[in-house]
Amino acid sequence: MTELLFTFWFKDFNLKNVIKSFDQVASHYNHNFEFEHSDDGHFHLAVLRHGCGPRASAFYAEFVKSVLALLHVKVELKEAEEQIVAKLFVQKPDERLVLEGVIPDELRPQYVQPSSRQVA
């Protein structure tokens, strides 16, 4: 459903259009929050200031996390009472996020402790 809304507004579902929708649709048109964005080449930093308390921060944090998960963008969130700060880690086309042969912790299978009982 979320992808359809972004596609309706901007004709393509990508990070650039998601950031644009936070700024133009949610912030400017709907007045849900004040939006600030910066990009230093290594990561994007987005600040959503809403002034509606900690429950609104939790809501916006989960919203940002779920939308960016659809794009497979790693995000680090910091919630405060009146705002959230999202640090987005984006892989550039010519860059590798993992070294050859190294498996990130998120992709490793969970460790299952062997049972002390022997199955015959």
Protein backbone atom coordinates (compact mmCIF):
# COMPACT_ATOMS: atom_id res chain seq x y z
CA MET A 1 0.00 0.00 0.00
CA THR A 2 2.78 2.45 0.92
CA GLU A 3 4.59 1.83 -2.35
CA LEU A 4 1.41 2.66 -4.26
CA LEU A 5 1.10 6.06 -2.58
CA PHE A 6 4.67 7.02 -3.44
CA THR A 7 4.20 5.76 -6.99
CA PHE A 8 0.98 7.78 -7.30
CA TRP A 9 2.65 10.99 -6.10
CA PHE A 10 6.05 10.68 -7.78
CA LYS A 11 5.74 7.86 -10.37
CA ASP A 12 8.61 5.88 -8.85
CA PHE A 13 9.31 4.34 -5.44
CA ASN A 14 12.89 5.18 -4.52
CA LEU A 15 14.82 6.91 -1.73
CA LYS A 16 14.92 10.27 -3.50
CA ASN A 17 11.12 10.31 -3.82
CA VAL A 18 10.57 9.11 -0.25
CA ILE A 19 12.68 12.01 1.04
CA LYS A 20 10.83 14.35 -1.31
CA SER A 21 7.47 13.10 0.01
CA PHE A 22 8.53 13.65 3.64
CA ASP A 23 9.46 17.22 2.72
CA GLN A 24 6.70 18.19 0.27
CA VAL A 25 3.70 16.06 1.18
CA ALA A 26 3.94 15.33 4.92
CA SER A 27 5.78 18.47 6.02
CA HIS A 28 4.71 21.24 3.64
CA TYR A 29 1.25 20.15 2.50
CA ASN A 30 -0.08 18.19 5.50
CA HIS A 31 1.85 20.15 8.17
CA ASN A 32 2.54 16.91 10.10
CA PHE A 33 6.07 17.95 11.07
CA GLU A 34 8.99 20.19 10.14
CA PHE A 35 11.46 18.32 7.96
CA GLU A 36 15.19 18.89 7.56
CA HIS A 37 17.45 16.79 5.35
CA SER A 38 21.16 16.72 4.61
CA ASP A 39 23.38 14.41 2.57
CA ASP A 40 27.14 14.33 3.03
CA GLY A 41 27.84 11.57 0.51
CA HIS A 42 28.21 8.80 3.09
CA PHE A 43 24.75 8.94 4.60
CA HIS A 44 21.56 10.99 4.69
CA LEU A 45 20.41 12.70 7.87
CA ALA A 46 16.71 13.47 8.27
CA VAL A 47 15.13 15.33 11.18
CA LEU A 48 11.36 15.29 11.73
CA ARG A 49 10.26 17.87 14.35
CA HIS A 50 6.63 17.43 15.33
CA GLY A 51 6.05 18.84 18.82
CA CYS A 52 3.41 16.20 19.64
CA GLY A 53 5.13 14.19 22.37
CA PRO A 54 6.80 10.80 22.75
CA ARG A 55 3.93 8.75 21.28
CA ALA A 56 4.12 10.72 18.04
CA SER A 57 7.90 10.16 18.02
CA ALA A 58 7.34 6.42 18.33
CA PHE A 59 4.77 6.50 15.51
CA TYR A 60 6.98 8.52 13.13
CA ALA A 61 10.03 6.39 13.95
CA GLU A 62 8.18 3.17 13.08
CA PHE A 63 6.73 4.77 9.95
CA VAL A 64 10.16 5.89 8.72
CA LYS A 65 11.66 2.50 9.58
CA SER A 66 8.95 0.55 7.73
CA VAL A 67 9.07 2.71 4.59
CA LEU A 68 12.85 2.50 4.38
CA ALA A 69 12.77 -1.26 5.00
CA LEU A 70 10.79 -1.59 1.75
CA LEU A 71 13.73 0.06 0.00
CA HIS A 72 16.29 -2.08 1.90
CA VAL A 73 17.86 1.05 3.39
CA LYS A 74 19.55 0.63 6.75
CA VAL A 75 18.40 3.31 9.18
CA GLU A 76 19.57 4.35 12.64
CA LEU A 77 16.83 6.19 14.58
CA LYS A 78 17.01 8.42 17.64
CA GLU A 79 13.71 9.34 19.26
CA ALA A 80 13.22 12.39 21.44
CA GLU A 81 10.04 13.79 22.92
CA GLU A 82 9.47 16.34 20.14
CA GLN A 83 11.43 14.92 17.18
CA ILE A 84 13.13 11.95 15.56
CA VAL A 85 16.50 11.88 13.84
CA ALA A 86 17.06 9.28 11.14
CA LYS A 87 20.50 8.43 9.78
CA LEU A 88 20.14 6.58 6.47
CA PHE A 89 22.99 4.42 5.20
CA VAL A 90 22.81 4.08 1.43
CA GLN A 91 24.99 1.96 -0.81
CA LYS A 92 26.24 3.78 -3.88
CA PRO A 93 26.16 1.79 -7.16
CA ASP A 94 29.96 1.42 -7.32
CA GLU A 95 30.38 0.66 -3.61
CA ARG A 96 30.14 -2.62 -1.67
CA LEU A 97 28.77 -2.54 1.87
CA VAL A 98 30.23 -5.95 2.77
CA LEU A 99 33.67 -7.35 2.18
CA GLU A 100 34.06 -10.49 0.13
CA GLY A 101 33.45 -13.52 2.35
CA VAL A 102 32.29 -11.49 5.37
CA ILE A 103 28.68 -12.03 6.44
CA PRO A 104 26.98 -9.13 8.27
CA ASP A 105 25.46 -9.99 11.66
CA GLU A 106 21.93 -9.32 10.36
CA LEU A 107 22.33 -12.08 7.75
CA ARG A 108 23.90 -14.71 9.99
CA PRO A 109 21.69 -17.53 11.23
CA GLN A 110 20.82 -17.35 14.89
CA TYR A 111 22.96 -19.50 17.15
CA VAL A 112 21.07 -22.46 18.55
CA GLN A 113 22.65 -23.97 21.62
CA PRO A 114 22.97 -27.75 21.29
CA SER A 115 20.76 -29.79 23.56
CA SER A 116 22.39 -31.64 26.42
CA ARG A 117 20.19 -34.66 25.64
CA GLN A 118 21.35 -37.13 23.05
CA VAL A 119 18.74 -38.26 20.54
CA ALA A 120 19.06 -41.98 19.78
